[in-house]
Amino acid sequence: MKQLVEKHPLAIRWFHWVNFPVLSLMIWSGLWIYWANDVYRLGWGNTTLLKFFPQSFYEAFNIPFQLAKGMSWHFVLMWVFFLNGLLYVFYTIFSGEWRYLLPTRHSFKEAVQVVLHDLGLSKKPLPVRKFNGAQQIAYTSVILMGVGSVLSGLAIYKPVQFAWLTQLLGGYEYARIIHFALTIGYVLFFIVHIAQVVRAGWNNFRAMVAGFEVVEVNPATHDVTAGPTALPAADASLSTNH
Protein backbone atom coordinates (compact mmCIF):
# COMPACT_ATOMS: atom_id res chain seq x y z
CA MET A 1 0.00 0.00 0.00
CA LYS A 2 1.35 3.42 -0.98
CA GLN A 3 1.33 6.31 1.45
CA LEU A 4 2.63 9.89 1.53
CA VAL A 5 5.26 10.52 4.20
CA GLU A 6 6.88 13.87 4.98
CA LYS A 7 10.65 13.74 4.48
CA HIS A 8 12.12 17.25 4.25
CA PRO A 9 10.72 20.26 6.16
CA LEU A 10 10.22 23.52 4.26
CA ALA A 11 13.25 25.15 5.92
CA ILE A 12 15.60 22.35 4.82
CA ARG A 13 14.31 22.60 1.25
CA TRP A 14 14.72 26.38 1.32
CA PHE A 15 18.31 26.21 2.53
CA HIS A 16 19.09 23.53 -0.07
CA TRP A 17 17.69 25.41 -3.07
CA VAL A 18 19.29 28.69 -2.02
CA ASN A 19 22.69 27.11 -1.41
CA PHE A 20 22.93 25.19 -4.68
CA PRO A 21 22.79 28.16 -7.13
CA VAL A 22 24.73 30.46 -4.78
CA LEU A 23 27.61 28.00 -4.43
CA SER A 24 27.56 27.33 -8.19
CA LEU A 25 27.83 31.06 -8.92
CA MET A 26 30.60 31.41 -6.33
CA ILE A 27 32.58 28.69 -8.11
CA TRP A 28 31.98 30.45 -11.44
CA SER A 29 33.07 33.86 -10.13
CA GLY A 30 35.99 32.15 -8.40
CA LEU A 31 37.23 31.05 -11.82
CA TRP A 32 37.38 34.71 -12.87
CA ILE A 33 39.57 35.38 -9.85
CA TYR A 34 41.69 32.27 -10.31
CA TRP A 35 42.43 33.21 -13.92
CA ALA A 36 44.59 36.11 -12.67
CA ASN A 37 47.08 33.61 -11.21
CA ASP A 38 46.15 30.07 -12.28
CA VAL A 39 49.17 28.32 -10.80
CA TYR A 40 47.83 24.96 -9.68
CA ARG A 41 48.56 21.69 -11.43
CA LEU A 42 49.08 18.00 -10.82
CA GLY A 43 52.62 16.87 -11.53
CA TRP A 44 56.21 17.09 -10.37
CA GLY A 45 59.20 19.21 -11.39
CA ASN A 46 58.72 20.35 -14.97
CA THR A 47 56.25 17.54 -15.69
CA THR A 48 52.55 18.49 -15.66
CA LEU A 49 49.89 15.78 -15.73
CA LEU A 50 46.92 18.12 -15.31
CA LYS A 51 46.72 21.90 -15.21
CA PHE A 52 43.90 23.77 -13.46
CA PHE A 53 42.87 25.14 -15.96
CA PRO A 54 44.35 25.25 -19.49
CA GLN A 55 43.58 28.14 -21.82
CA SER A 56 41.25 25.90 -23.82
CA PHE A 57 39.02 25.53 -20.74
CA TYR A 58 38.44 29.29 -20.49
CA GLU A 59 37.78 29.50 -24.22
CA ALA A 60 35.38 26.53 -24.24
CA PHE A 61 33.24 28.00 -21.45
CA ASN A 62 33.70 31.58 -22.63
CA ILE A 63 34.95 32.67 -19.22
CA PRO A 64 35.72 36.41 -19.33
CA PHE A 65 38.98 37.65 -17.88
CA GLN A 66 37.45 40.13 -15.46
CA LEU A 67 39.24 39.95 -12.11
CA ALA A 68 37.55 42.93 -10.44
CA LYS A 69 34.07 41.85 -11.51
CA GLY A 70 34.75 38.30 -10.35
CA MET A 71 35.89 39.52 -6.94
CA SER A 72 32.81 41.73 -6.58
CA TRP A 73 30.43 38.87 -7.36
CA HIS A 74 32.39 36.45 -5.19
CA PHE A 75 32.31 38.64 -2.08
CA VAL A 76 28.61 39.53 -2.43
CA LEU A 77 27.67 35.87 -2.86
CA MET A 78 29.95 34.96 0.03
CA TRP A 79 27.62 36.75 2.46
CA VAL A 80 24.58 34.90 1.11
CA PHE A 81 26.48 31.59 1.31
CA PHE A 82 27.63 32.31 4.86
CA LEU A 83 24.25 33.49 6.21
CA ASN A 84 22.35 30.65 4.52
CA GLY A 85 24.79 28.11 5.95
CA LEU A 86 24.66 29.67 9.42
CA LEU A 87 20.86 29.63 9.46
CA TYR A 88 20.91 26.03 8.25
CA VAL A 89 23.18 24.95 11.12
CA PHE A 90 21.06 26.81 13.69
CA TYR A 91 17.87 25.28 12.28
CA THR A 92 19.22 21.72 12.40
CA ILE A 93 20.31 22.25 16.00
CA PHE A 94 17.09 23.77 17.35
CA SER A 95 14.69 21.65 15.26
CA GLY A 96 16.40 18.36 16.09
CA GLU A 97 17.16 17.62 12.42
CA TRP A 98 20.80 17.11 13.44
CA ARG A 99 19.77 13.66 14.72
CA TYR A 100 19.20 12.54 11.14
CA LEU A 101 22.34 14.19 9.75
CA LEU A 102 25.08 13.69 12.31
CA PRO A 103 27.16 10.52 11.76
CA THR A 104 27.14 7.89 14.48
CA ARG A 105 29.69 5.24 15.40
CA HIS A 106 28.01 2.93 12.86
CA SER A 107 27.85 5.41 9.97
CA PHE A 108 31.30 4.63 8.54
CA LYS A 109 30.59 0.89 8.45
CA GLU A 110 27.25 1.57 6.83
CA ALA A 111 28.86 3.95 4.32
CA VAL A 112 31.03 1.07 3.06
CA GLN A 113 27.89 -1.03 2.61
CA VAL A 114 26.25 1.81 0.65
CA VAL A 115 29.25 2.24 -1.66
CA LEU A 116 29.45 -1.52 -2.34
CA HIS A 117 25.71 -1.58 -3.03
CA ASP A 118 25.87 1.39 -5.42
CA LEU A 119 28.79 -0.21 -7.29
CA GLY A 120 26.82 -3.42 -7.66
CA LEU A 121 29.24 -5.39 -5.50
CA SER A 122 26.73 -6.10 -2.74
CA LYS A 123 23.09 -7.19 -2.94
CA LYS A 124 22.40 -6.58 0.75
CA PRO A 125 19.41 -4.17 1.02
CA LEU A 126 20.18 -0.72 2.33
CA PRO A 127 18.59 0.49 5.58
CA VAL A 128 15.16 2.10 5.25
CA ARG A 129 15.87 5.48 6.76
CA LYS A 130 15.84 9.18 5.97
CA PHE A 131 19.64 9.40 5.54
CA ASN A 132 22.01 6.46 5.40
CA GLY A 133 25.53 6.45 6.81
CA ALA A 134 27.15 7.61 3.56
CA GLN A 135 24.76 10.56 3.31
CA GLN A 136 25.32 11.49 6.94
CA ILE A 137 29.08 11.60 6.41
CA ALA A 138 28.79 13.47 3.10
CA TYR A 139 26.35 16.13 4.32
CA THR A 140 28.24 16.72 7.56
CA SER A 141 31.50 16.99 5.59
CA VAL A 142 29.97 19.64 3.33
CA ILE A 143 29.10 21.74 6.38
CA LEU A 144 32.68 21.49 7.62
CA MET A 145 33.92 22.32 4.12
CA GLY A 146 31.76 25.43 4.18
CA VAL A 147 33.42 26.56 7.41
CA GLY A 148 36.81 25.90 5.84
CA SER A 149 35.90 27.90 2.72
CA VAL A 150 34.79 30.92 4.73
CA LEU A 151 37.89 30.91 6.94
CA SER A 152 40.37 30.32 4.10
CA GLY A 153 38.52 32.88 1.97
CA LEU A 154 38.88 35.53 4.67
CA ALA A 155 42.55 34.63 5.09
CA ILE A 156 43.35 35.29 1.43
CA TYR A 157 40.93 38.22 1.05
CA LYS A 158 42.29 40.18 4.03
CA PRO A 159 45.69 38.62 4.84
CA VAL A 160 46.78 41.71 6.79
CA GLN A 161 43.61 42.33 8.79
CA PHE A 162 43.25 38.58 9.46
CA ALA A 163 46.97 37.90 9.78
CA TRP A 164 46.38 35.55 12.72
CA LEU A 165 43.98 33.46 10.65
CA THR A 166 46.30 33.42 7.63
CA GLN A 167 49.17 32.25 9.81
CA LEU A 168 46.94 29.64 11.46
CA LEU A 169 46.27 28.17 8.02
CA GLY A 170 49.98 28.03 7.22
CA GLY A 171 50.38 31.35 5.43
CA TYR A 172 48.81 32.96 2.38
CA GLU A 173 49.88 30.29 -0.14
CA TYR A 174 48.62 27.39 1.98
CA ALA A 175 45.34 29.22 2.69
CA ARG A 176 44.89 29.68 -1.06
CA ILE A 177 45.58 26.00 -1.70
CA ILE A 178 43.04 25.02 0.95
CA HIS A 179 40.44 27.33 -0.60
CA PHE A 180 41.07 25.92 -4.07
CA ALA A 181 41.06 22.28 -2.87
CA LEU A 182 37.72 22.80 -1.11
CA THR A 183 36.28 24.21 -4.33
CA ILE A 184 37.35 21.08 -6.20
CA GLY A 185 35.70 19.12 -3.39
CA TYR A 186 32.39 20.94 -3.97
CA VAL A 187 32.51 20.15 -7.68
CA LEU A 188 33.12 16.45 -6.98
CA PHE A 189 30.30 16.49 -4.41
CA PHE A 190 27.95 18.07 -6.97
CA ILE A 191 28.77 15.38 -9.54
CA VAL A 192 28.22 12.49 -7.10
CA HIS A 193 25.15 14.11 -5.54
CA ILE A 194 23.42 14.74 -8.88
CA ALA A 195 24.29 11.23 -10.08
CA GLN A 196 22.78 9.76 -6.90
CA VAL A 197 19.62 11.86 -7.30
CA VAL A 198 19.20 10.64 -10.88
CA ARG A 199 19.83 7.08 -9.74
CA ALA A 200 17.32 7.35 -6.89
CA GLY A 201 14.60 8.59 -9.23
CA TRP A 202 11.74 11.06 -9.22
CA ASN A 203 10.40 10.08 -5.79
CA ASN A 204 13.64 11.20 -4.13
CA PHE A 205 13.81 14.45 -6.11
CA ARG A 206 10.17 15.26 -5.35
CA ALA A 207 10.93 14.98 -1.64
CA MET A 208 13.37 17.89 -1.88
CA VAL A 209 10.88 19.93 -3.94
CA ALA A 210 7.52 19.17 -2.32
CA GLY A 211 8.72 17.77 1.00
CA PHE A 212 7.04 14.37 0.84
CA GLU A 213 7.86 10.95 -0.54
CA VAL A 214 5.62 8.08 -1.62
CA VAL A 215 6.45 5.00 0.45
CA GLU A 216 5.35 1.39 0.54
CA VAL A 217 3.56 0.47 3.76
CA ASN A 218 2.70 -3.02 4.93
CA PRO A 219 -1.13 -2.92 5.26
CA ALA A 220 -1.08 -5.50 8.05
CA THR A 221 1.60 -3.98 10.29
CA HIS A 222 1.66 -0.41 8.88
CA ASP A 223 5.47 -0.63 8.83
CA VAL A 224 7.32 1.30 6.14
CA THR A 225 8.95 -1.21 3.80
CA ALA A 226 10.46 1.26 1.31
CA GLY A 227 11.07 4.94 1.92
CA PRO A 228 12.08 7.25 4.78
CA THR A 229 11.38 6.41 8.39
CA ALA A 230 11.63 8.31 11.63
CA LEU A 231 14.80 6.52 12.75
CA PRO A 232 17.30 9.24 13.70
CA ALA A 233 20.50 7.19 13.59
CA ALA A 234 22.19 4.22 11.96
CA ASP A 235 22.24 2.02 15.04
CA ALA A 236 18.78 0.47 14.73
CA SER A 237 19.17 -0.67 11.13
CA LEU A 238 22.58 -2.18 11.70
CA SER A 239 21.46 -4.19 14.67
CA THR A 240 19.87 -6.71 12.32
CA ASN A 241 23.23 -7.33 10.63
CA HIS A 242 24.99 -8.60 13.77
C-alpha atoms as a PDB file:
ATOM      1  CA  MET A   1       0.000   0.000   0.000  1.00  0.00           C
ATOM      2  CA  LYS A   2       1.354   3.419  -0.984  1.00  0.00           C
ATOM      3  CA  GLN A   3       1.327   6.310   1.449  1.00  0.00           C
ATOM      4  CA  LEU A   4       2.629   9.892   1.529  1.00  0.00           C
ATOM      5  CA  VAL A   5       5.261  10.519   4.200  1.00  0.00           C
ATOM      6  CA  GLU A   6       6.880  13.874   4.976  1.00  0.00           C
ATOM      7  CA  LYS A   7      10.648  13.738   4.483  1.00  0.00           C
ATOM      8  CA  HIS A   8      12.124  17.255   4.251  1.00  0.00           C
ATOM      9  CA  PRO A   9      10.719  20.260   6.159  1.00  0.00           C
ATOM     10  CA  LEU A  10      10.219  23.519   4.261  1.00  0.00           C
ATOM     11  CA  ALA A  11      13.247  25.146   5.921  1.00  0.00           C
ATOM     12  CA  ILE A  12      15.603  22.349   4.824  1.00  0.00           C
ATOM     13  CA  ARG A  13      14.312  22.601   1.251  1.00  0.00           C
ATOM     14  CA  TRP A  14      14.715  26.382   1.319  1.00  0.00           C
ATOM     15  CA  PHE A  15      18.306  26.206   2.528  1.00  0.00           C
ATOM     16  CA  HIS A  16      19.093  23.527  -0.071  1.00  0.00           C
ATOM     17  CA  TRP A  17      17.688  25.407  -3.070  1.00  0.00           C
ATOM     18  CA  VAL A  18      19.288  28.695  -2.017  1.00  0.00           C
ATOM     19  CA  ASN A  19      22.689  27.113  -1.411  1.00  0.00           C
ATOM     20  CA  PHE A  20      22.929  25.193  -4.678  1.00  0.00           C
ATOM     21  CA  PRO A  21      22.787  28.159  -7.129  1.00  0.00           C
ATOM     22  CA  VAL A  22      24.731  30.461  -4.778  1.00  0.00           C
ATOM     23  CA  LEU A  23      27.612  27.997  -4.432  1.00  0.00           C
ATOM     24  CA  SER A  24      27.556  27.335  -8.187  1.00  0.00           C
ATOM     25  CA  LEU A  25      27.831  31.063  -8.915  1.00  0.00           C
ATOM     26  CA  MET A  26      30.595  31.409  -6.333  1.00  0.00           C
ATOM     27  CA  ILE A  27      32.584  28.695  -8.113  1.00  0.00           C
ATOM     28  CA  TRP A  28      31.983  30.454 -11.439  1.00  0.00           C
ATOM     29  CA  SER A  29      33.070  33.860 -10.132  1.00  0.00           C
ATOM     30  CA  GLY A  30      35.992  32.149  -8.399  1.00  0.00           C
ATOM     31  CA  LEU A  31      37.230  31.053 -11.824  1.00  0.00           C
ATOM     32  CA  TRP A  32      37.378  34.713 -12.866  1.00  0.00           C
ATOM     33  CA  ILE A  33      39.572  35.379  -9.846  1.00  0.00           C
ATOM     34  CA  TYR A  34      41.692  32.273 -10.310  1.00  0.00           C
ATOM     35  CA  TRP A  35      42.434  33.211 -13.923  1.00  0.00           C
ATOM     36  CA  ALA A  36      44.586  36.108 -12.674  1.00  0.00           C
ATOM     37  CA  ASN A  37      47.076  33.609 -11.206  1.00  0.00           C
ATOM     38  CA  ASP A  38      46.147  30.070 -12.281  1.00  0.00           C
ATOM     39  CA  VAL A  39      49.171  28.324 -10.805  1.00  0.00           C
ATOM     40  CA  TYR A  40      47.826  24.961  -9.684  1.00  0.00           C
ATOM     41  CA  ARG A  41      48.564  21.691 -11.434  1.00  0.00           C
ATOM     42  CA  LEU A  42      49.076  17.997 -10.816  1.00  0.00           C
ATOM     43  CA  GLY A  43      52.624  16.874 -11.535  1.00  0.00           C
ATOM     44  CA  TRP A  44      56.211  17.092 -10.372  1.00  0.00           C
ATOM     45  CA  GLY A  45      59.204  19.209 -11.395  1.00  0.00           C
ATOM     46  CA  ASN A  46      58.721  20.352 -14.970  1.00  0.00           C
ATOM     47  CA  THR A  47      56.247  17.543 -15.692  1.00  0.00           C
ATOM     48  CA  THR A  48      52.548  18.493 -15.660  1.00  0.00           C
ATOM     49  CA  LEU A  49      49.886  15.783 -15.735  1.00  0.00           C
ATOM     50  CA  LEU A  50      46.916  18.118 -15.314  1.00  0.00           C
ATOM     51  CA  LYS A  51      46.723  21.903 -15.209  1.00  0.00           C
ATOM     52  CA  PHE A  52      43.895  23.770 -13.457  1.00  0.00           C
ATOM     53  CA  PHE A  53      42.873  25.140 -15.959  1.00  0.00           C
ATOM     54  CA  PRO A  54      44.354  25.253 -19.491  1.00  0.00           C
ATOM     55  CA  GLN A  55      43.583  28.142 -21.821  1.00  0.00           C
ATOM     56  CA  SER A  56      41.254  25.901 -23.824  1.00  0.00           C
ATOM     57  CA  PHE A  57      39.016  25.535 -20.738  1.00  0.00           C
ATOM     58  CA  TYR A  58      38.441  29.287 -20.488  1.00  0.00           C
ATOM     59  CA  GLU A  59      37.778  29.499 -24.217  1.00  0.00           C
ATOM     60  CA  ALA A  60      35.382  26.527 -24.236  1.00  0.00           C
ATOM     61  CA  PHE A  61      33.242  27.998 -21.449  1.00  0.00           C
ATOM     62  CA  ASN A  62      33.699  31.582 -22.632  1.00  0.00           C
ATOM     63  CA  ILE A  63      34.949  32.667 -19.220  1.00  0.00           C
ATOM     64  CA  PRO A  64      35.723  36.409 -19.328  1.00  0.00           C
ATOM     65  CA  PHE A  65      38.981  37.648 -17.883  1.00  0.00           C
ATOM     66  CA  GLN A  66      37.448  40.131 -15.458  1.00  0.00           C
ATOM     67  CA  LEU A  67      39.240  39.946 -12.111  1.00  0.00           C
ATOM     68  CA  ALA A  68      37.547  42.934 -10.437  1.00  0.00           C
ATOM     69  CA  LYS A  69      34.074  41.846 -11.511  1.00  0.00           C
ATOM     70  CA  GLY A  70      34.754  38.299 -10.355  1.00  0.00           C
ATOM     71  CA  MET A  71      35.894  39.518  -6.941  1.00  0.00           C
ATOM     72  CA  SER A  72      32.811  41.734  -6.575  1.00  0.00           C
ATOM     73  CA  TRP A  73      30.428  38.874  -7.361  1.00  0.00           C
ATOM     74  CA  HIS A  74      32.388  36.451  -5.195  1.00  0.00           C
ATOM     75  CA  PHE A  75      32.308  38.637  -2.084  1.00  0.00           C
ATOM     76  CA  VAL A  76      28.607  39.527  -2.430  1.00  0.00           C
ATOM     77  CA  LEU A  77      27.669  35.871  -2.855  1.00  0.00           C
ATOM     78  CA  MET A  78      29.954  34.964   0.030  1.00  0.00           C
ATOM     79  CA  TRP A  79      27.617  36.749   2.456  1.00  0.00           C
ATOM     80  CA  VAL A  80      24.584  34.895   1.109  1.00  0.00           C
ATOM     81  CA  PHE A  81      26.479  31.591   1.310  1.00  0.00           C
ATOM     82  CA  PHE A  82      27.635  32.306   4.859  1.00  0.00           C
ATOM     83  CA  LEU A  83      24.252  33.487   6.205  1.00  0.00           C
ATOM     84  CA  ASN A  84      22.352  30.648   4.522  1.00  0.00           C
ATOM     85  CA  GLY A  85      24.791  28.114   5.953  1.00  0.00           C
ATOM     86  CA  LEU A  86      24.663  29.671   9.418  1.00  0.00           C
ATOM     87  CA  LEU A  87      20.863  29.627   9.465  1.00  0.00           C
ATOM     88  CA  TYR A  88      20.907  26.026   8.254  1.00  0.00           C
ATOM     89  CA  VAL A  89      23.176  24.951  11.117  1.00  0.00           C
ATOM     90  CA  PHE A  90      21.057  26.809  13.687  1.00  0.00           C
ATOM     91  CA  TYR A  91      17.875  25.277  12.276  1.00  0.00           C
ATOM     92  CA  THR A  92      19.216  21.717  12.402  1.00  0.00           C
ATOM     93  CA  ILE A  93      20.309  22.248  16.004  1.00  0.00           C
ATOM     94  CA  PHE A  94      17.088  23.767  17.348  1.00  0.00           C
ATOM     95  CA  SER A  95      14.695  21.655  15.263  1.00  0.00           C
ATOM     96  CA  GLY A  96      16.397  18.361  16.093  1.00  0.00           C
ATOM     97  CA  GLU A  97      17.157  17.621  12.423  1.00  0.00           C
ATOM     98  CA  TRP A  98      20.799  17.108  13.439  1.00  0.00           C
ATOM     99  CA  ARG A  99      19.775  13.659  14.720  1.00  0.00           C
ATOM    100  CA  TYR A 100      19.197  12.542  11.137  1.00  0.00           C
ATOM    101  CA  LEU A 101      22.338  14.189   9.749  1.00  0.00           C
ATOM    102  CA  LEU A 102      25.083  13.694  12.312  1.00  0.00           C
ATOM    103  CA  PRO A 103      27.156  10.517  11.758  1.00  0.00           C
ATOM    104  CA  THR A 104      27.137   7.886  14.480  1.00  0.00           C
ATOM    105  CA  ARG A 105      29.690   5.242  15.398  1.00  0.00           C
ATOM    106  CA  HIS A 106      28.011   2.929  12.858  1.00  0.00           C
ATOM    107  CA  SER A 107      27.852   5.412   9.967  1.00  0.00           C
ATOM    108  CA  PHE A 108      31.300   4.632   8.542  1.00  0.00           C
ATOM    109  CA  LYS A 109      30.591   0.890   8.454  1.00  0.00           C
ATOM    110  CA  GLU A 110      27.254   1.571   6.826  1.00  0.00           C
ATOM    111  CA  ALA A 111      28.861   3.948   4.315  1.00  0.00           C
ATOM    112  CA  VAL A 112      31.031   1.075   3.065  1.00  0.00           C
ATOM    113  CA  GLN A 113      27.893  -1.029   2.606  1.00  0.00           C
ATOM    114  CA  VAL A 114      26.253   1.812   0.646  1.00  0.00           C
ATOM    115  CA  VAL A 115      29.253   2.236  -1.664  1.00  0.00           C
ATOM    116  CA  LEU A 116      29.446  -1.515  -2.339  1.00  0.00           C
ATOM    117  CA  HIS A 117      25.713  -1.577  -3.034  1.00  0.00           C
ATOM    118  CA  ASP A 118      25.872   1.390  -5.420  1.00  0.00           C
ATOM    119  CA  LEU A 119      28.793  -0.207  -7.290  1.00  0.00           C
ATOM    120  CA  GLY A 120      26.817  -3.418  -7.664  1.00  0.00           C
ATOM    121  CA  LEU A 121      29.236  -5.391  -5.501  1.00  0.00           C
ATOM    122  CA  SER A 122      26.728  -6.105  -2.736  1.00  0.00           C
ATOM    123  CA  LYS A 123      23.091  -7.190  -2.942  1.00  0.00           C
ATOM    124  CA  LYS A 124      22.396  -6.583   0.753  1.00  0.00           C
ATOM    125  CA  PRO A 125      19.415  -4.172   1.024  1.00  0.00           C
ATOM    126  CA  LEU A 126      20.177  -0.721   2.329  1.00  0.00           C
ATOM    127  CA  PRO A 127      18.585   0.486   5.581  1.00  0.00           C
ATOM    128  CA  VAL A 128      15.164   2.095   5.248  1.00  0.00           C
ATOM    129  CA  ARG A 129      15.870   5.482   6.755  1.00  0.00           C
ATOM    130  CA  LYS A 130      15.840   9.181   5.971  1.00  0.00           C
ATOM    131  CA  PHE A 131      19.636   9.403   5.536  1.00  0.00           C
ATOM    132  CA  ASN A 132      22.012   6.458   5.397  1.00  0.00           C
ATOM    133  CA  GLY A 133      25.533   6.450   6.808  1.00  0.00           C
ATOM    134  CA  ALA A 134      27.146   7.611   3.558  1.00  0.00           C
ATOM    135  CA  GLN A 135      24.756  10.559   3.313  1.00  0.00           C
ATOM    136  CA  GLN A 136      25.320  11.492   6.945  1.00  0.00           C
ATOM    137  CA  ILE A 137      29.083  11.600   6.405  1.00  0.00           C
ATOM    138  CA  ALA A 138      28.786  13.469   3.102  1.00  0.00           C
ATOM    139  CA  TYR A 139      26.352  16.135   4.321  1.00  0.00           C
ATOM    140  CA  THR A 140      28.241  16.723   7.564  1.00  0.00           C
ATOM    141  CA  SER A 141      31.501  16.986   5.594  1.00  0.00           C
ATOM    142  CA  VAL A 142      29.970  19.643   3.332  1.00  0.00           C
ATOM    143  CA  ILE A 143      29.096  21.742   6.381  1.00  0.00           C
ATOM    144  CA  LEU A 144      32.682  21.487   7.620  1.00  0.00           C
ATOM    145  CA  MET A 145      33.918  22.315   4.115  1.00  0.00           C
ATOM    146  CA  GLY A 146      31.756  25.431   4.178  1.00  0.00           C
ATOM    147  CA  VAL A 147      33.420  26.557   7.411  1.00  0.00           C
ATOM    148  CA  GLY A 148      36.811  25.896   5.835  1.00  0.00           C
ATOM    149  CA  SER A 149      35.903  27.898   2.724  1.00  0.00           C
ATOM    150  CA  VAL A 150      34.790  30.915   4.730  1.00  0.00           C
ATOM    151  CA  LEU A 151      37.887  30.906   6.944  1.00  0.00           C
ATOM    152  CA  SER A 152      40.370  30.317   4.103  1.00  0.00           C
ATOM    153  CA  GLY A 153      38.523  32.880   1.968  1.00  0.00           C
ATOM    154  CA  LEU A 154      38.878  35.534   4.668  1.00  0.00           C
ATOM    155  CA  ALA A 155      42.550  34.626   5.092  1.00  0.00           C
ATOM    156  CA  ILE A 156      43.349  35.286   1.431  1.00  0.00           C
ATOM    157  CA  TYR A 157      40.932  38.220   1.055  1.00  0.00           C
ATOM    158  CA  LYS A 158      42.290  40.181   4.032  1.00  0.00           C
ATOM    159  CA  PRO A 159      45.694  38.623   4.840  1.00  0.00           C
ATOM    160  CA  VAL A 160      46.777  41.715   6.787  1.00  0.00           C
ATOM    161  CA  GLN A 161      43.606  42.332   8.790  1.00  0.00           C
ATOM    162  CA  PHE A 162      43.250  38.580   9.457  1.00  0.00           C
ATOM    163  CA  ALA A 163      46.967  37.898   9.776  1.00  0.00           C
ATOM    164  CA  TRP A 164      46.384  35.547  12.723  1.00  0.00           C
ATOM    165  CA  LEU A 165      43.982  33.456  10.650  1.00  0.00           C
ATOM    166  CA  THR A 166      46.297  33.416   7.633  1.00  0.00           C
ATOM    167  CA  GLN A 167      49.171  32.249   9.806  1.00  0.00           C
ATOM    168  CA  LEU A 168      46.942  29.638  11.463  1.00  0.00           C
ATOM    169  CA  LEU A 169      46.271  28.168   8.016  1.00  0.00           C
ATOM    170  CA  GLY A 170      49.983  28.026   7.216  1.00  0.00           C
ATOM    171  CA  GLY A 171      50.375  31.349   5.429  1.00  0.00           C
ATOM    172  CA  TYR A 172      48.809  32.962   2.375  1.00  0.00           C
ATOM    173  CA  GLU A 173      49.876  30.293  -0.136  1.00  0.00           C
ATOM    174  CA  TYR A 174      48.622  27.391   1.976  1.00  0.00           C
ATOM    175  CA  ALA A 175      45.343  29.218   2.685  1.00  0.00           C
ATOM    176  CA  ARG A 176      44.889  29.683  -1.060  1.00  0.00           C
ATOM    177  CA  ILE A 177      45.584  26.004  -1.703  1.00  0.00           C
ATOM    178  CA  ILE A 178      43.041  25.022   0.953  1.00  0.00           C
ATOM    179  CA  HIS A 179      40.437  27.335  -0.598  1.00  0.00           C
ATOM    180  CA  PHE A 180      41.071  25.918  -4.068  1.00  0.00           C
ATOM    181  CA  ALA A 181      41.059  22.282  -2.869  1.00  0.00           C
ATOM    182  CA  LEU A 182      37.719  22.803  -1.110  1.00  0.00           C
ATOM    183  CA  THR A 183      36.280  24.212  -4.335  1.00  0.00           C
ATOM    184  CA  ILE A 184      37.350  21.079  -6.203  1.00  0.00           C
ATOM    185  CA  GLY A 185      35.700  19.118  -3.395  1.00  0.00           C
ATOM    186  CA  TYR A 186      32.390  20.940  -3.974  1.00  0.00           C
ATOM    187  CA  VAL A 187      32.513  20.149  -7.685  1.00  0.00           C
ATOM    188  CA  LEU A 188      33.118  16.449  -6.977  1.00  0.00           C
ATOM    189  CA  PHE A 189      30.304  16.486  -4.410  1.00  0.00           C
ATOM    190  CA  PHE A 190      27.949  18.066  -6.966  1.00  0.00           C
ATOM    191  CA  ILE A 191      28.771  15.376  -9.539  1.00  0.00           C
ATOM    192  CA  VAL A 192      28.219  12.493  -7.102  1.00  0.00           C
ATOM    193  CA  HIS A 193      25.148  14.113  -5.545  1.00  0.00           C
ATOM    194  CA  ILE A 194      23.423  14.736  -8.879  1.00  0.00           C
ATOM    195  CA  ALA A 195      24.293  11.231 -10.083  1.00  0.00           C
ATOM    196  CA  GLN A 196      22.783   9.764  -6.904  1.00  0.00           C
ATOM    197  CA  VAL A 197      19.622  11.857  -7.302  1.00  0.00           C
ATOM    198  CA  VAL A 198      19.204  10.639 -10.883  1.00  0.00           C
ATOM    199  CA  ARG A 199      19.834   7.077  -9.743  1.00  0.00           C
ATOM    200  CA  ALA A 200      17.320   7.353  -6.889  1.00  0.00           C
ATOM    201  CA  GLY A 201      14.598   8.590  -9.230  1.00  0.00           C
ATOM    202  CA  TRP A 202      11.739  11.061  -9.222  1.00  0.00           C
ATOM    203  CA  ASN A 203      10.402  10.083  -5.790  1.00  0.00           C
ATOM    204  CA  ASN A 204      13.642  11.196  -4.129  1.00  0.00           C
ATOM    205  CA  PHE A 205      13.812  14.451  -6.114  1.00  0.00           C
ATOM    206  CA  ARG A 206      10.169  15.264  -5.352  1.00  0.00           C
ATOM    207  CA  ALA A 207      10.925  14.979  -1.641  1.00  0.00           C
ATOM    208  CA  MET A 208      13.367  17.894  -1.884  1.00  0.00           C
ATOM    209  CA  VAL A 209      10.878  19.932  -3.939  1.00  0.00           C
ATOM    210  CA  ALA A 210       7.519  19.167  -2.315  1.00  0.00           C
ATOM    211  CA  GLY A 211       8.717  17.768   1.001  1.00  0.00           C
ATOM    212  CA  PHE A 212       7.040  14.372   0.837  1.00  0.00           C
ATOM    213  CA  GLU A 213       7.856  10.951  -0.544  1.00  0.00           C
ATOM    214  CA  VAL A 214       5.618   8.078  -1.621  1.00  0.00           C
ATOM    215  CA  VAL A 215       6.447   5.004   0.455  1.00  0.00           C
ATOM    216  CA  GLU A 216       5.352   1.395   0.539  1.00  0.00           C
ATOM    217  CA  VAL A 217       3.556   0.471   3.762  1.00  0.00           C
ATOM    218  CA  ASN A 218       2.695  -3.024   4.926  1.00  0.00           C
ATOM    219  CA  PRO A 219      -1.132  -2.922   5.260  1.00  0.00           C
ATOM    220  CA  ALA A 220      -1.083  -5.496   8.050  1.00  0.00           C
ATOM    221  CA  THR A 221       1.596  -3.982  10.287  1.00  0.00           C
ATOM    222  CA  HIS A 222       1.656  -0.407   8.880  1.00  0.00           C
ATOM    223  CA  ASP A 223       5.467  -0.628   8.832  1.00  0.00           C
ATOM    224  CA  VAL A 224       7.317   1.299   6.139  1.00  0.00           C
ATOM    225  CA  THR A 225       8.950  -1.214   3.800  1.00  0.00           C
ATOM    226  CA  ALA A 226      10.459   1.255   1.311  1.00  0.00           C
ATOM    227  CA  GLY A 227      11.067   4.940   1.917  1.00  0.00           C
ATOM    228  CA  PRO A 228      12.077   7.253   4.778  1.00  0.00           C
ATOM    229  CA  THR A 229      11.377   6.408   8.390  1.00  0.00           C
ATOM    230  CA  ALA A 230      11.631   8.309  11.632  1.00  0.00           C
ATOM    231  CA  LEU A 231      14.801   6.520  12.750  1.00  0.00           C
ATOM    232  CA  PRO A 232      17.299   9.237  13.703  1.00  0.00           C
ATOM    233  CA  ALA A 233      20.504   7.190  13.588  1.00  0.00           C
ATOM    234  CA  ALA A 234      22.189   4.222  11.956  1.00  0.00           C
ATOM    235  CA  ASP A 235      22.242   2.017  15.040  1.00  0.00           C
ATOM    236  CA  ALA A 236      18.785   0.468  14.726  1.00  0.00           C
ATOM    237  CA  SER A 237      19.171  -0.668  11.134  1.00  0.00           C
ATOM    238  CA  LEU A 238      22.578  -2.180  11.696  1.00  0.00           C
ATOM    239  CA  SER A 239      21.462  -4.195  14.668  1.00  0.00           C
ATOM    240  CA  THR A 240      19.873  -6.712  12.319  1.00  0.00           C
ATOM    241  CA  ASN A 241      23.235  -7.333  10.628  1.00  0.00           C
ATOM    242  CA  HIS A 242      24.988  -8.597  13.771  1.00  0.00           C
END
